[in-house]
Protein backbone atom coordinates (compact mmCIF):
# COMPACT_ATOMS: atom_id res chain seq x y z
CA UNK A 1 -36.58 28.98 120.67
CA UNK A 2 -36.41 29.48 116.65
CA UNK A 3 -36.21 25.74 116.38
CA UNK A 4 -39.34 25.23 118.61
CA UNK A 5 -41.34 28.05 116.83
CA UNK A 6 -40.43 26.33 113.39
CA UNK A 7 -41.67 22.99 114.72
CA UNK A 8 -44.88 24.28 115.90
CA UNK A 9 -45.56 26.09 112.86
CA UNK A 10 -44.91 23.47 110.41
CA UNK A 11 -47.60 21.31 111.91
CA UNK A 12 -50.29 24.16 111.40
CA UNK A 13 -52.29 23.24 114.15
CA UNK A 14 -52.41 26.86 115.22
CA UNK A 15 -53.23 30.12 113.31
CA UNK A 16 -49.96 31.96 114.13
CA UNK A 17 -46.99 31.07 115.93
CA UNK A 18 -44.54 33.92 117.01
CA UNK A 19 -42.13 34.53 119.81
CA UNK A 20 -43.28 36.50 122.39
CA UNK A 21 -42.19 40.19 121.93
CA UNK A 22 -42.99 40.13 118.29
CA UNK A 23 -45.77 42.43 118.49
CA UNK A 24 -48.45 39.96 117.61
CA UNK A 25 -50.94 38.99 120.13
CA UNK A 26 -52.51 35.90 120.81
CA UNK A 27 -54.67 33.82 123.38
CA UNK A 28 -52.26 31.40 124.02
CA UNK A 29 -48.77 31.27 125.31
CA UNK A 30 -46.12 28.58 125.54
CA UNK A 31 -43.61 28.90 128.50
CA UNK A 32 -40.67 26.96 128.21
CA UNK A 33 -37.67 26.59 131.12
CA UNK A 34 -34.50 24.65 130.64
CA UNK A 35 -34.16 23.20 133.68
CA UNK A 36 -31.02 20.95 132.93
CA UNK A 37 -28.58 20.89 130.19
CA UNK A 38 -25.74 18.53 131.21
CA UNK A 39 -22.88 16.84 129.48
CA UNK A 40 -22.19 14.24 132.09
CA UNK A 41 -18.71 12.96 131.37
CA UNK A 42 -18.69 10.26 133.89
CA UNK A 43 -21.59 8.65 132.22
CA UNK A 44 -20.89 9.71 128.78
CA UNK A 45 -24.27 11.02 127.88
CA UNK A 46 -25.96 14.49 127.32
CA UNK A 47 -29.13 15.30 129.10
CA UNK A 48 -31.77 17.87 128.82
CA UNK A 49 -34.72 18.52 130.88
CA UNK A 50 -37.18 21.27 130.76
CA UNK A 51 -40.62 22.49 131.57
CA UNK A 52 -43.35 23.69 129.15
CA UNK A 53 -46.45 25.52 130.39
CA UNK A 54 -49.62 26.60 128.19
CA UNK A 55 -51.11 29.25 129.43
CA UNK A 56 -54.32 30.82 128.43
CA UNK A 57 -53.47 34.57 128.28
CA UNK A 58 -57.56 35.65 128.05
CA UNK A 59 -58.52 34.02 131.20
CA UNK A 60 -54.83 34.16 132.85
CA UNK A 61 -54.90 30.57 133.77
CA UNK A 62 -52.58 27.75 133.45
CA UNK A 63 -53.85 25.00 130.94
CA UNK A 64 -51.23 22.35 131.10
CA UNK A 65 -47.68 22.11 132.40
CA UNK A 66 -45.47 19.32 131.80
CA UNK A 67 -41.58 18.08 132.42
CA UNK A 68 -39.74 16.68 129.44
CA UNK A 69 -36.53 14.68 129.95
CA UNK A 70 -34.15 13.19 127.39
CA UNK A 71 -30.70 11.90 127.37
CA UNK A 72 -28.36 10.51 124.52
CA UNK A 73 -25.16 8.92 124.71
CA UNK A 74 -21.97 10.89 123.60
CA UNK A 75 -20.36 9.10 121.02
CA UNK A 76 -16.57 10.58 121.35
CA UNK A 77 -15.63 12.76 124.36
CA UNK A 78 -15.20 16.10 122.96
CA UNK A 79 -17.10 19.06 122.91
CA UNK A 80 -18.44 18.24 119.49
CA UNK A 81 -19.46 14.92 121.09
CA UNK A 82 -21.45 16.61 123.78
CA UNK A 83 -23.14 19.08 121.42
CA UNK A 84 -24.45 15.97 119.21
CA UNK A 85 -25.74 14.34 122.16
CA UNK A 86 -27.54 17.20 123.72
CA UNK A 87 -29.00 17.65 119.93
CA UNK A 88 -30.25 14.39 119.91
CA UNK A 89 -31.73 15.09 123.37
CA UNK A 90 -33.55 17.96 122.03
CA UNK A 91 -34.78 16.31 119.20
CA UNK A 92 -36.02 13.68 121.45
CA UNK A 93 -37.80 16.30 123.67
CA UNK A 94 -39.25 18.41 120.88
CA UNK A 95 -40.79 15.29 119.28
CA UNK A 96 -42.82 14.84 122.48
CA UNK A 97 -43.39 18.60 123.36
CA UNK A 98 -45.11 19.68 120.02
CA UNK A 99 -47.88 16.72 120.05
CA UNK A 100 -48.43 17.20 123.95
CA UNK A 101 -48.76 21.01 123.00
CA UNK A 102 -51.61 20.49 120.43
CA UNK A 103 -53.23 17.89 122.74
CA UNK A 104 -53.42 20.46 125.51
CA UNK A 105 -54.74 23.35 123.27
CA UNK A 106 -57.51 21.03 121.97
CA UNK A 107 -59.00 20.75 125.42
CA UNK A 108 -59.64 24.39 125.31
CA UNK A 109 -63.19 26.08 124.11
CA UNK A 110 -62.91 26.82 120.25
CA UNK A 111 -62.83 30.64 121.11
CA UNK A 112 -59.01 30.40 122.25
CA UNK A 113 -56.80 31.17 119.12
CA UNK A 114 -55.14 27.68 117.77
């Protein structure tokens, strides 16, 4: 979660980016669910699948939803190799998710906090 928050914040497309429960309110919320986090030893790859939902909290409506999937080869059959492959898959997913989030938020009226 912290890596995602830092990535979104670094692009400065939103007025503020915080984790839910921080005490800071906002008009938009990003819900992220990890659907699959897998080290497939037979295929020698790590796989990550997650679903992201952008919600307008003021109207309580779903703005956008998308499933992101990435896989990366495991260089060596070990826990370290699996972790490295999953890290590569995560980077790939975040590289797609953050621009999608910005584009989805851009479809909202200017009154939404961005």
